[in-house]
C-alpha cells in the first residue's frame, strides 16, 4: 500500500498515470485507488460527463451499429438505431437487455423445438432475451439502448445465414 499523504498528491497522480497508463486519472481517483478503495484495473479513461442520449443518437446514422455511451463494471451501455431485419443469432453466455428509446422494436425468438414467438416493444419498454435464446431483432424504425458484457458481438456466438449489409457485426464503437 502506498501512503498518498507521504508521497504528495502530484507525485501520486504522476506515479499512477505512468504505472497504469491512464493519463486522464484525477487526483481523487488516484488517492482512492492507492488507498485500496477502488481498483484501477477497471478504470477506463472515459469523460466523467453526462451523455445526452438524444444528442448521441443524432451524432451517427448507421443502423444496427451500436455506440458505447458508458461502461459500468464489465458491461457496455450501447445505443443503436434500428430499422429493418437483423439476423437470427444467439448469445450463449449472456442475457441481452433492451430499452426502446424511440419508435418500435420487435424481437422474434425461437425455442429449442423451433417454435417462434415475438414481442413488440414501444418507446419506454424494456425486455431481456435470456442467454441461449435464439432471437432476431427487427424494427420499422427506432432507437434502442442495450446493456451487454464488454466484448459481446451484435451477431452473437453463432448466427443463421449471411449477415445483411445494414447489420454491423461488432462489439460496439466508441461514441465520437
N, C-alpha and C. Protein backbone atom coordinates (compact mmCIF):
# COMPACT_ATOMS: atom_id res chain seq x y z
N UNK A 1 0.86 -1.18 0.00
CA UNK A 1 0.00 0.00 0.00
C UNK A 1 0.89 1.23 0.00
N UNK A 2 0.53 2.20 -0.81
CA UNK A 2 1.29 3.43 -0.92
C UNK A 2 0.65 4.48 -0.04
N UNK A 3 1.46 5.20 0.72
CA UNK A 3 0.96 6.29 1.55
C UNK A 3 0.88 7.54 0.69
N UNK A 4 -0.34 7.89 0.28
CA UNK A 4 -0.54 9.03 -0.61
C UNK A 4 -0.12 10.32 0.06
N UNK A 5 -0.43 10.47 1.37
CA UNK A 5 -0.09 11.70 2.06
C UNK A 5 1.42 11.93 2.09
N UNK A 6 2.18 10.85 2.28
CA UNK A 6 3.64 10.98 2.32
C UNK A 6 4.19 11.27 0.93
N UNK A 7 3.59 10.70 -0.08
CA UNK A 7 4.05 10.91 -1.45
C UNK A 7 3.74 12.31 -1.96
N UNK A 8 2.61 12.81 -1.56
CA UNK A 8 2.15 14.07 -2.11
C UNK A 8 1.23 13.80 -3.29
N UNK A 9 0.21 14.61 -3.41
CA UNK A 9 -0.81 14.39 -4.43
C UNK A 9 -0.23 14.38 -5.83
N UNK A 10 0.61 15.36 -6.16
CA UNK A 10 1.16 15.45 -7.52
C UNK A 10 1.99 14.22 -7.86
N UNK A 11 2.82 13.78 -6.93
CA UNK A 11 3.67 12.61 -7.17
C UNK A 11 2.83 11.35 -7.31
N UNK A 12 1.76 11.24 -6.50
CA UNK A 12 0.89 10.06 -6.57
C UNK A 12 0.17 9.99 -7.91
N UNK A 13 -0.32 11.12 -8.38
CA UNK A 13 -1.00 11.15 -9.67
C UNK A 13 -0.03 10.76 -10.78
N UNK A 14 1.16 11.36 -10.77
CA UNK A 14 2.16 11.05 -11.79
C UNK A 14 2.56 9.59 -11.78
N UNK A 15 2.75 9.04 -10.59
CA UNK A 15 3.13 7.64 -10.47
C UNK A 15 2.02 6.73 -11.02
N UNK A 16 0.78 7.03 -10.67
CA UNK A 16 -0.34 6.20 -11.13
C UNK A 16 -0.54 6.33 -12.64
N UNK A 17 -0.40 7.55 -13.16
CA UNK A 17 -0.56 7.74 -14.59
C UNK A 17 0.50 6.96 -15.36
N UNK A 18 1.70 6.94 -14.84
CA UNK A 18 2.79 6.21 -15.50
C UNK A 18 2.62 4.70 -15.33
N UNK A 19 2.35 4.26 -14.11
CA UNK A 19 2.25 2.83 -13.82
C UNK A 19 1.09 2.17 -14.52
N UNK A 20 -0.08 2.81 -14.46
CA UNK A 20 -1.28 2.19 -15.03
C UNK A 20 -1.62 2.74 -16.41
N UNK A 21 -0.87 3.68 -16.91
CA UNK A 21 -1.03 4.26 -18.24
C UNK A 21 -2.44 4.79 -18.48
N UNK A 22 -2.96 5.50 -17.50
CA UNK A 22 -4.24 6.18 -17.63
C UNK A 22 -4.00 7.67 -17.41
N UNK A 23 -3.63 8.40 -18.46
CA UNK A 23 -3.30 9.81 -18.30
C UNK A 23 -4.46 10.69 -17.84
N UNK A 24 -5.69 10.18 -17.89
CA UNK A 24 -6.82 11.02 -17.52
C UNK A 24 -7.20 10.87 -16.05
N UNK A 25 -6.44 10.13 -15.26
CA UNK A 25 -6.79 9.93 -13.86
C UNK A 25 -6.75 11.25 -13.10
N UNK A 26 -7.74 11.42 -12.23
CA UNK A 26 -7.78 12.62 -11.40
C UNK A 26 -7.14 12.32 -10.06
N UNK A 27 -6.71 13.34 -9.33
CA UNK A 27 -6.10 13.10 -8.01
C UNK A 27 -7.00 12.30 -7.07
N UNK A 28 -8.31 12.55 -7.08
CA UNK A 28 -9.22 11.83 -6.19
C UNK A 28 -9.24 10.35 -6.54
N UNK A 29 -9.36 10.02 -7.82
CA UNK A 29 -9.36 8.62 -8.25
C UNK A 29 -8.06 7.95 -7.86
N UNK A 30 -6.94 8.62 -8.08
CA UNK A 30 -5.64 8.05 -7.74
C UNK A 30 -5.53 7.83 -6.24
N UNK A 31 -5.94 8.81 -5.45
CA UNK A 31 -5.86 8.65 -4.00
C UNK A 31 -6.69 7.46 -3.55
N UNK A 32 -7.92 7.36 -4.03
CA UNK A 32 -8.77 6.23 -3.65
C UNK A 32 -8.15 4.91 -4.08
N UNK A 33 -7.63 4.86 -5.30
CA UNK A 33 -7.04 3.63 -5.81
C UNK A 33 -5.82 3.22 -5.00
N UNK A 34 -4.96 4.18 -4.72
CA UNK A 34 -3.75 3.86 -3.97
C UNK A 34 -4.06 3.47 -2.53
N UNK A 35 -5.14 3.96 -2.00
CA UNK A 35 -5.56 3.57 -0.64
C UNK A 35 -6.33 2.26 -0.66
N UNK A 36 -6.54 1.69 -1.85
CA UNK A 36 -7.23 0.41 -1.95
C UNK A 36 -8.73 0.52 -1.98
N UNK A 37 -9.28 1.72 -2.20
CA UNK A 37 -10.73 1.90 -2.20
C UNK A 37 -11.36 1.66 -3.57
N UNK A 38 -10.54 1.65 -4.62
CA UNK A 38 -11.04 1.41 -5.97
C UNK A 38 -9.98 0.66 -6.74
N UNK A 39 -10.36 -0.16 -7.69
CA UNK A 39 -9.40 -0.93 -8.48
C UNK A 39 -9.10 -0.23 -9.79
N UNK A 40 -7.85 0.11 -10.00
CA UNK A 40 -7.50 0.80 -11.25
C UNK A 40 -7.61 -0.12 -12.45
N UNK A 41 -7.62 -1.42 -12.24
CA UNK A 41 -7.72 -2.31 -13.39
C UNK A 41 -9.05 -2.15 -14.11
N UNK A 42 -10.05 -1.59 -13.42
CA UNK A 42 -11.37 -1.43 -14.04
C UNK A 42 -11.65 0.01 -14.43
N UNK A 43 -10.71 0.90 -14.27
CA UNK A 43 -10.94 2.30 -14.62
C UNK A 43 -10.61 2.51 -16.07
N UNK A 44 -11.53 3.05 -16.81
CA UNK A 44 -11.29 3.42 -18.21
C UNK A 44 -11.32 4.93 -18.30
N UNK A 45 -10.59 5.48 -19.23
CA UNK A 45 -10.49 6.92 -19.35
C UNK A 45 -11.63 7.48 -20.18
N UNK A 46 -12.82 7.38 -19.66
CA UNK A 46 -13.95 7.99 -20.34
C UNK A 46 -14.22 9.32 -19.64
N UNK A 47 -14.76 10.26 -20.38
CA UNK A 47 -15.08 11.54 -19.78
C UNK A 47 -16.09 11.33 -18.68
N UNK A 48 -15.87 12.03 -17.58
CA UNK A 48 -16.80 11.94 -16.46
C UNK A 48 -17.87 13.01 -16.63
N UNK A 49 -18.52 12.99 -17.79
CA UNK A 49 -19.57 13.94 -18.10
C UNK A 49 -20.83 13.16 -18.44
N UNK A 50 -21.98 13.78 -18.20
CA UNK A 50 -23.22 13.12 -18.62
C UNK A 50 -23.25 12.97 -20.13
N UNK A 51 -23.92 11.93 -20.59
CA UNK A 51 -24.11 11.72 -22.02
C UNK A 51 -25.60 11.90 -22.31
N UNK A 52 -25.91 12.83 -23.19
CA UNK A 52 -27.28 13.04 -23.61
C UNK A 52 -27.57 12.06 -24.73
N UNK A 53 -28.48 11.12 -24.50
CA UNK A 53 -28.74 10.07 -25.48
C UNK A 53 -29.33 10.60 -26.78
N UNK A 54 -30.15 11.64 -26.70
CA UNK A 54 -30.72 12.23 -27.92
C UNK A 54 -29.60 12.80 -28.79
N UNK A 55 -28.68 13.53 -28.17
CA UNK A 55 -27.55 14.09 -28.92
C UNK A 55 -26.63 12.98 -29.43
N UNK A 56 -26.42 11.96 -28.61
CA UNK A 56 -25.55 10.85 -29.03
C UNK A 56 -26.14 10.14 -30.24
N UNK A 57 -27.44 9.88 -30.23
CA UNK A 57 -28.08 9.24 -31.37
C UNK A 57 -28.03 10.11 -32.62
N UNK A 58 -28.10 11.42 -32.44
CA UNK A 58 -28.05 12.34 -33.57
C UNK A 58 -26.66 12.43 -34.19
N UNK A 59 -25.65 11.92 -33.49
CA UNK A 59 -24.27 12.03 -33.96
C UNK A 59 -23.89 10.95 -34.98
N UNK A 60 -24.77 9.99 -35.23
CA UNK A 60 -24.49 8.95 -36.23
C UNK A 60 -25.80 8.46 -36.83
N UNK A 61 -25.70 7.89 -38.03
CA UNK A 61 -26.90 7.42 -38.75
C UNK A 61 -26.90 5.91 -38.98
N UNK A 62 -25.79 5.24 -38.77
CA UNK A 62 -25.68 3.81 -39.06
C UNK A 62 -26.74 3.02 -38.30
N UNK A 63 -27.33 2.05 -38.99
CA UNK A 63 -28.35 1.18 -38.41
C UNK A 63 -27.68 -0.09 -37.89
N UNK A 64 -28.15 -0.57 -36.74
CA UNK A 64 -27.60 -1.78 -36.11
C UNK A 64 -26.07 -1.71 -36.02
N UNK A 65 -25.57 -0.55 -35.62
CA UNK A 65 -24.14 -0.33 -35.42
C UNK A 65 -23.98 0.43 -34.11
N UNK A 66 -24.02 -0.28 -32.99
CA UNK A 66 -24.10 0.37 -31.67
C UNK A 66 -22.88 1.21 -31.30
N UNK A 67 -23.17 2.28 -30.56
CA UNK A 67 -22.13 3.14 -29.99
C UNK A 67 -22.13 2.94 -28.48
N UNK A 68 -20.94 2.88 -27.93
CA UNK A 68 -20.79 2.71 -26.48
C UNK A 68 -20.85 4.08 -25.84
N UNK A 69 -21.87 4.29 -24.99
CA UNK A 69 -22.04 5.59 -24.35
C UNK A 69 -21.53 5.60 -22.92
N UNK A 70 -21.32 4.42 -22.34
CA UNK A 70 -20.80 4.32 -20.98
C UNK A 70 -20.31 2.89 -20.74
N UNK A 71 -19.49 2.76 -19.72
CA UNK A 71 -19.05 1.44 -19.27
C UNK A 71 -19.30 1.37 -17.77
N UNK A 72 -19.77 0.21 -17.34
CA UNK A 72 -20.06 0.00 -15.93
C UNK A 72 -19.61 -1.40 -15.58
N UNK A 73 -18.67 -1.48 -14.64
CA UNK A 73 -18.08 -2.76 -14.29
C UNK A 73 -17.57 -3.41 -15.58
N UNK A 74 -18.02 -4.58 -15.93
CA UNK A 74 -17.55 -5.24 -17.15
C UNK A 74 -18.60 -5.17 -18.25
N UNK A 75 -19.47 -4.18 -18.19
CA UNK A 75 -20.56 -4.03 -19.14
C UNK A 75 -20.44 -2.76 -19.97
N UNK A 76 -20.92 -2.83 -21.22
CA UNK A 76 -21.06 -1.66 -22.07
C UNK A 76 -22.52 -1.24 -22.05
N UNK A 77 -22.74 0.05 -22.04
CA UNK A 77 -24.06 0.61 -22.27
C UNK A 77 -24.00 1.14 -23.70
N UNK A 78 -24.81 0.55 -24.58
CA UNK A 78 -24.75 0.86 -26.01
C UNK A 78 -26.08 1.41 -26.49
N UNK A 79 -25.99 2.28 -27.49
CA UNK A 79 -27.20 2.77 -28.16
C UNK A 79 -27.07 2.45 -29.64
N UNK A 80 -28.22 2.29 -30.29
CA UNK A 80 -28.20 1.99 -31.73
C UNK A 80 -29.50 2.43 -32.38
N UNK A 81 -29.40 2.76 -33.65
CA UNK A 81 -30.58 2.95 -34.48
C UNK A 81 -30.98 1.57 -34.98
N UNK A 82 -32.28 1.35 -35.11
CA UNK A 82 -32.77 0.06 -35.59
C UNK A 82 -33.76 0.30 -36.71
N UNK A 83 -33.57 -0.42 -37.81
CA UNK A 83 -34.53 -0.36 -38.92
C UNK A 83 -34.27 -1.57 -39.81
N UNK A 84 -35.34 -2.27 -40.13
CA UNK A 84 -35.22 -3.46 -40.95
C UNK A 84 -34.95 -4.70 -40.11
N UNK A 85 -34.57 -5.75 -40.80
CA UNK A 85 -34.33 -7.05 -40.16
C UNK A 85 -32.88 -7.18 -39.72
N UNK A 86 -32.66 -7.74 -38.56
CA UNK A 86 -31.32 -8.10 -38.08
C UNK A 86 -31.08 -9.53 -38.59
N UNK A 87 -30.38 -10.33 -37.85
CA UNK A 87 -30.10 -11.71 -38.22
C UNK A 87 -30.43 -12.60 -37.02
N UNK A 88 -30.93 -13.82 -37.29
CA UNK A 88 -31.13 -14.77 -36.18
C UNK A 88 -29.77 -15.06 -35.57
N UNK A 89 -29.69 -14.94 -34.24
CA UNK A 89 -28.43 -15.20 -33.55
C UNK A 89 -28.71 -15.58 -32.10
N UNK A 90 -27.65 -16.03 -31.44
CA UNK A 90 -27.77 -16.44 -30.03
C UNK A 90 -26.52 -16.00 -29.28
N UNK A 91 -26.72 -15.59 -28.04
CA UNK A 91 -25.63 -15.30 -27.12
C UNK A 91 -25.64 -16.42 -26.07
N UNK A 92 -24.68 -17.32 -26.17
CA UNK A 92 -24.68 -18.50 -25.30
C UNK A 92 -24.42 -18.18 -23.84
N UNK A 93 -23.66 -17.12 -23.57
CA UNK A 93 -23.21 -16.89 -22.20
C UNK A 93 -23.78 -15.65 -21.53
N UNK A 94 -24.69 -14.95 -22.17
CA UNK A 94 -25.20 -13.73 -21.55
C UNK A 94 -26.64 -13.44 -21.96
N UNK A 95 -27.37 -12.84 -21.04
CA UNK A 95 -28.68 -12.28 -21.35
C UNK A 95 -28.44 -11.00 -22.15
N UNK A 96 -29.48 -10.51 -22.81
CA UNK A 96 -29.36 -9.26 -23.55
C UNK A 96 -30.53 -8.35 -23.16
N UNK A 97 -30.19 -7.16 -22.63
CA UNK A 97 -31.17 -6.20 -22.15
C UNK A 97 -31.42 -5.13 -23.22
N UNK A 98 -32.69 -4.86 -23.50
CA UNK A 98 -33.07 -3.82 -24.46
C UNK A 98 -34.01 -2.82 -23.79
N UNK A 99 -33.80 -1.54 -24.07
CA UNK A 99 -34.70 -0.46 -23.70
C UNK A 99 -34.97 0.32 -24.98
N UNK A 100 -36.24 0.48 -25.33
CA UNK A 100 -36.58 1.21 -26.54
C UNK A 100 -36.62 2.71 -26.20
N UNK A 101 -35.76 3.46 -26.89
CA UNK A 101 -35.69 4.91 -26.67
C UNK A 101 -36.64 5.67 -27.58
N UNK A 102 -36.90 5.10 -28.76
CA UNK A 102 -37.77 5.76 -29.73
C UNK A 102 -38.31 4.72 -30.71
N UNK A 103 -39.53 4.94 -31.19
CA UNK A 103 -40.10 4.06 -32.21
C UNK A 103 -40.54 2.72 -31.66
N UNK A 104 -40.41 1.71 -32.51
CA UNK A 104 -40.77 0.34 -32.14
C UNK A 104 -39.59 -0.58 -32.39
N UNK A 105 -39.57 -1.67 -31.64
CA UNK A 105 -38.51 -2.67 -31.77
C UNK A 105 -39.15 -4.02 -31.53
N UNK A 106 -38.96 -4.93 -32.48
CA UNK A 106 -39.56 -6.27 -32.39
C UNK A 106 -38.44 -7.29 -32.14
N UNK A 107 -38.75 -8.30 -31.35
CA UNK A 107 -37.78 -9.37 -31.12
C UNK A 107 -38.48 -10.70 -31.35
N UNK A 108 -38.08 -11.37 -32.42
CA UNK A 108 -38.55 -12.73 -32.66
C UNK A 108 -37.67 -13.69 -31.90
N UNK A 109 -38.25 -14.73 -31.33
CA UNK A 109 -37.49 -15.71 -30.56
C UNK A 109 -37.90 -17.12 -30.97
N UNK A 110 -36.92 -18.03 -30.92
CA UNK A 110 -37.17 -19.45 -31.21
C UNK A 110 -36.80 -20.27 -29.99
N UNK A 111 -37.67 -21.23 -29.68
CA UNK A 111 -37.31 -22.15 -28.60
C UNK A 111 -36.54 -23.33 -29.18
N UNK A 112 -36.16 -24.27 -28.34
CA UNK A 112 -35.35 -25.41 -28.76
C UNK A 112 -36.05 -26.28 -29.80
N UNK A 113 -37.40 -26.25 -29.83
CA UNK A 113 -38.16 -27.04 -30.80
C UNK A 113 -38.41 -26.29 -32.11
N UNK A 114 -37.91 -25.05 -32.21
CA UNK A 114 -38.08 -24.27 -33.42
C UNK A 114 -39.36 -23.44 -33.46
N UNK A 115 -40.13 -23.45 -32.35
CA UNK A 115 -41.36 -22.65 -32.29
C UNK A 115 -40.99 -21.17 -32.12
N UNK A 116 -41.61 -20.30 -32.91
CA UNK A 116 -41.30 -18.88 -32.87
C UNK A 116 -42.37 -18.08 -32.15
N UNK A 117 -41.92 -17.11 -31.36
CA UNK A 117 -42.78 -16.12 -30.73
C UNK A 117 -42.13 -14.76 -30.97
N UNK A 118 -42.89 -13.71 -30.70
CA UNK A 118 -42.33 -12.37 -30.89
C UNK A 118 -42.88 -11.43 -29.82
N UNK A 119 -42.09 -10.45 -29.48
CA UNK A 119 -42.54 -9.36 -28.61
C UNK A 119 -42.38 -8.07 -29.40
N UNK A 120 -43.33 -7.17 -29.19
CA UNK A 120 -43.28 -5.85 -29.81
C UNK A 120 -43.08 -4.84 -28.69
N UNK A 121 -42.00 -4.09 -28.81
CA UNK A 121 -41.66 -3.10 -27.78
C UNK A 121 -41.84 -1.71 -28.36
N UNK A 122 -42.33 -0.82 -27.51
CA UNK A 122 -42.51 0.58 -27.88
C UNK A 122 -41.66 1.45 -26.97
N UNK A 123 -41.59 2.72 -27.30
CA UNK A 123 -40.79 3.67 -26.53
C UNK A 123 -41.05 3.50 -25.03
N UNK A 124 -39.97 3.32 -24.28
CA UNK A 124 -40.07 3.15 -22.84
C UNK A 124 -40.13 1.71 -22.38
N UNK A 125 -40.34 0.78 -23.29
CA UNK A 125 -40.43 -0.64 -22.93
C UNK A 125 -39.04 -1.25 -22.80
N UNK A 126 -38.93 -2.22 -21.88
CA UNK A 126 -37.70 -3.00 -21.73
C UNK A 126 -38.01 -4.47 -21.92
N UNK A 127 -36.98 -5.21 -22.27
CA UNK A 127 -37.13 -6.65 -22.42
C UNK A 127 -35.75 -7.28 -22.31
N UNK A 128 -35.70 -8.46 -21.70
CA UNK A 128 -34.45 -9.21 -21.59
C UNK A 128 -34.60 -10.52 -22.34
N UNK A 129 -33.71 -10.72 -23.31
CA UNK A 129 -33.64 -12.00 -24.01
C UNK A 129 -32.72 -12.90 -23.19
N UNK A 130 -33.23 -14.02 -22.69
CA UNK A 130 -32.40 -14.89 -21.85
C UNK A 130 -31.24 -15.50 -22.64
N UNK A 131 -30.13 -15.70 -21.96
CA UNK A 131 -28.97 -16.34 -22.59
C UNK A 131 -29.38 -17.65 -23.23
N UNK A 132 -28.75 -17.93 -24.36
CA UNK A 132 -29.04 -19.18 -25.06
C UNK A 132 -30.30 -19.16 -25.90
N UNK A 133 -31.01 -18.03 -25.94
CA UNK A 133 -32.24 -17.94 -26.71
C UNK A 133 -31.95 -17.39 -28.10
N UNK A 134 -32.31 -18.15 -29.12
CA UNK A 134 -32.13 -17.67 -30.48
C UNK A 134 -33.14 -16.55 -30.72
N UNK A 135 -32.67 -15.42 -31.25
CA UNK A 135 -33.55 -14.28 -31.45
C UNK A 135 -33.15 -13.48 -32.68
N UNK A 136 -34.14 -12.72 -33.19
CA UNK A 136 -33.92 -11.90 -34.37
C UNK A 136 -34.63 -10.57 -34.16
N UNK A 137 -33.87 -9.50 -33.92
CA UNK A 137 -34.48 -8.18 -33.81
C UNK A 137 -34.91 -7.67 -35.19
N UNK A 138 -35.92 -6.82 -35.18
CA UNK A 138 -36.34 -6.10 -36.38
C UNK A 138 -37.04 -4.83 -35.91
N UNK A 139 -37.17 -3.88 -36.83
CA UNK A 139 -37.81 -2.63 -36.45
C UNK A 139 -38.30 -1.89 -37.69
N UNK A 140 -39.48 -1.25 -37.57
CA UNK A 140 -39.91 -0.36 -38.65
C UNK A 140 -39.18 0.98 -38.56
N UNK A 141 -38.44 1.16 -37.48
CA UNK A 141 -37.67 2.38 -37.23
C UNK A 141 -37.69 2.68 -35.75
N UNK A 142 -36.51 2.86 -35.18
CA UNK A 142 -36.46 3.14 -33.76
C UNK A 142 -35.03 3.30 -33.28
N UNK A 143 -34.91 3.46 -31.98
CA UNK A 143 -33.60 3.56 -31.33
C UNK A 143 -33.66 2.77 -30.03
N UNK A 144 -32.57 2.09 -29.72
CA UNK A 144 -32.53 1.22 -28.54
C UNK A 144 -31.30 1.49 -27.70
N UNK A 145 -31.39 1.10 -26.44
CA UNK A 145 -30.26 1.10 -25.51
C UNK A 145 -30.11 -0.33 -25.04
N UNK A 146 -28.86 -0.81 -24.96
CA UNK A 146 -28.58 -2.18 -24.54
C UNK A 146 -27.52 -2.20 -23.44
N UNK A 147 -27.64 -3.14 -22.52
CA UNK A 147 -26.58 -3.45 -21.56
C UNK A 147 -26.05 -4.81 -21.95
N UNK A 148 -24.75 -4.88 -22.21
CA UNK A 148 -24.15 -6.16 -22.58
C UNK A 148 -22.74 -6.23 -22.02
N UNK A 149 -22.27 -7.42 -21.68
CA UNK A 149 -20.87 -7.53 -21.25
C UNK A 149 -19.95 -7.00 -22.35
N UNK A 150 -18.93 -6.28 -21.96
CA UNK A 150 -17.96 -5.77 -22.93
C UNK A 150 -17.44 -6.93 -23.77
N UNK A 151 -17.33 -6.69 -25.06
CA UNK A 151 -16.83 -7.72 -25.96
C UNK A 151 -17.91 -8.59 -26.58
N UNK A 152 -19.18 -8.37 -26.21
CA UNK A 152 -20.27 -9.15 -26.78
C UNK A 152 -20.55 -8.70 -28.21
N UNK A 153 -20.58 -9.64 -29.13
CA UNK A 153 -20.83 -9.34 -30.53
C UNK A 153 -22.31 -9.11 -30.78
N UNK A 154 -22.61 -8.17 -31.66
CA UNK A 154 -24.01 -7.89 -32.02
C UNK A 154 -24.67 -9.04 -32.75
N UNK A 155 -23.87 -9.95 -33.30
CA UNK A 155 -24.42 -11.10 -34.02
C UNK A 155 -24.22 -12.40 -33.24
N UNK A 156 -23.93 -12.28 -31.97
CA UNK A 156 -23.87 -13.42 -31.08
C UNK A 156 -22.70 -14.36 -31.29
N UNK A 157 -22.77 -15.51 -30.61
CA UNK A 157 -21.75 -16.55 -30.74
C UNK A 157 -21.93 -17.32 -32.04
N UNK A 158 -23.17 -17.37 -32.51
CA UNK A 158 -23.47 -18.02 -33.77
C UNK A 158 -24.69 -17.33 -34.37
N UNK A 159 -24.75 -17.33 -35.68
CA UNK A 159 -25.89 -16.70 -36.36
C UNK A 159 -26.29 -17.54 -37.55
N UNK A 160 -27.51 -17.28 -38.02
CA UNK A 160 -28.08 -18.04 -39.13
C UNK A 160 -27.96 -17.23 -40.41
N UNK A 161 -27.36 -17.82 -41.42
CA UNK A 161 -27.29 -17.17 -42.73
C UNK A 161 -26.28 -16.05 -42.81
N UNK A 162 -26.35 -15.36 -43.92
CA UNK A 162 -25.46 -14.22 -44.17
C UNK A 162 -25.90 -13.02 -43.33
N UNK A 163 -24.93 -12.23 -42.92
CA UNK A 163 -25.24 -11.01 -42.19
C UNK A 163 -25.58 -9.92 -43.22
N UNK A 164 -26.78 -9.32 -43.11
CA UNK A 164 -27.16 -8.28 -44.08
C UNK A 164 -26.18 -7.11 -44.05
N UNK A 165 -26.07 -6.41 -45.18
CA UNK A 165 -25.16 -5.28 -45.28
C UNK A 165 -25.44 -4.19 -44.25
N UNK A 166 -26.70 -4.02 -43.85
CA UNK A 166 -27.04 -2.96 -42.91
C UNK A 166 -26.84 -3.37 -41.44
N UNK A 167 -26.35 -4.59 -41.19
CA UNK A 167 -26.09 -5.04 -39.83
C UNK A 167 -24.58 -5.09 -39.63
N UNK A 168 -24.11 -4.37 -38.62
CA UNK A 168 -22.69 -4.29 -38.29
C UNK A 168 -22.38 -5.36 -37.24
N UNK A 169 -21.62 -6.38 -37.61
CA UNK A 169 -21.20 -7.40 -36.65
C UNK A 169 -20.01 -6.84 -35.88
N UNK A 170 -20.27 -6.33 -34.68
CA UNK A 170 -19.28 -5.59 -33.92
C UNK A 170 -19.47 -5.80 -32.43
N UNK A 171 -18.49 -5.42 -31.67
CA UNK A 171 -18.60 -5.40 -30.21
C UNK A 171 -18.87 -3.98 -29.73
N UNK A 172 -19.25 -3.11 -30.66
CA UNK A 172 -19.58 -1.73 -30.32
C UNK A 172 -18.48 -0.78 -30.75
N UNK A 173 -18.88 0.45 -31.03
CA UNK A 173 -17.94 1.51 -31.44
C UNK A 173 -17.95 2.59 -30.39
N UNK A 174 -16.82 3.24 -30.20
CA UNK A 174 -16.76 4.37 -29.28
C UNK A 174 -17.61 5.51 -29.83
N UNK A 175 -18.27 6.21 -28.96
CA UNK A 175 -19.04 7.37 -29.34
C UNK A 175 -18.06 8.51 -29.62
N UNK A 176 -18.17 9.13 -30.78
CA UNK A 176 -17.25 10.23 -31.09
C UNK A 176 -17.97 11.53 -31.20
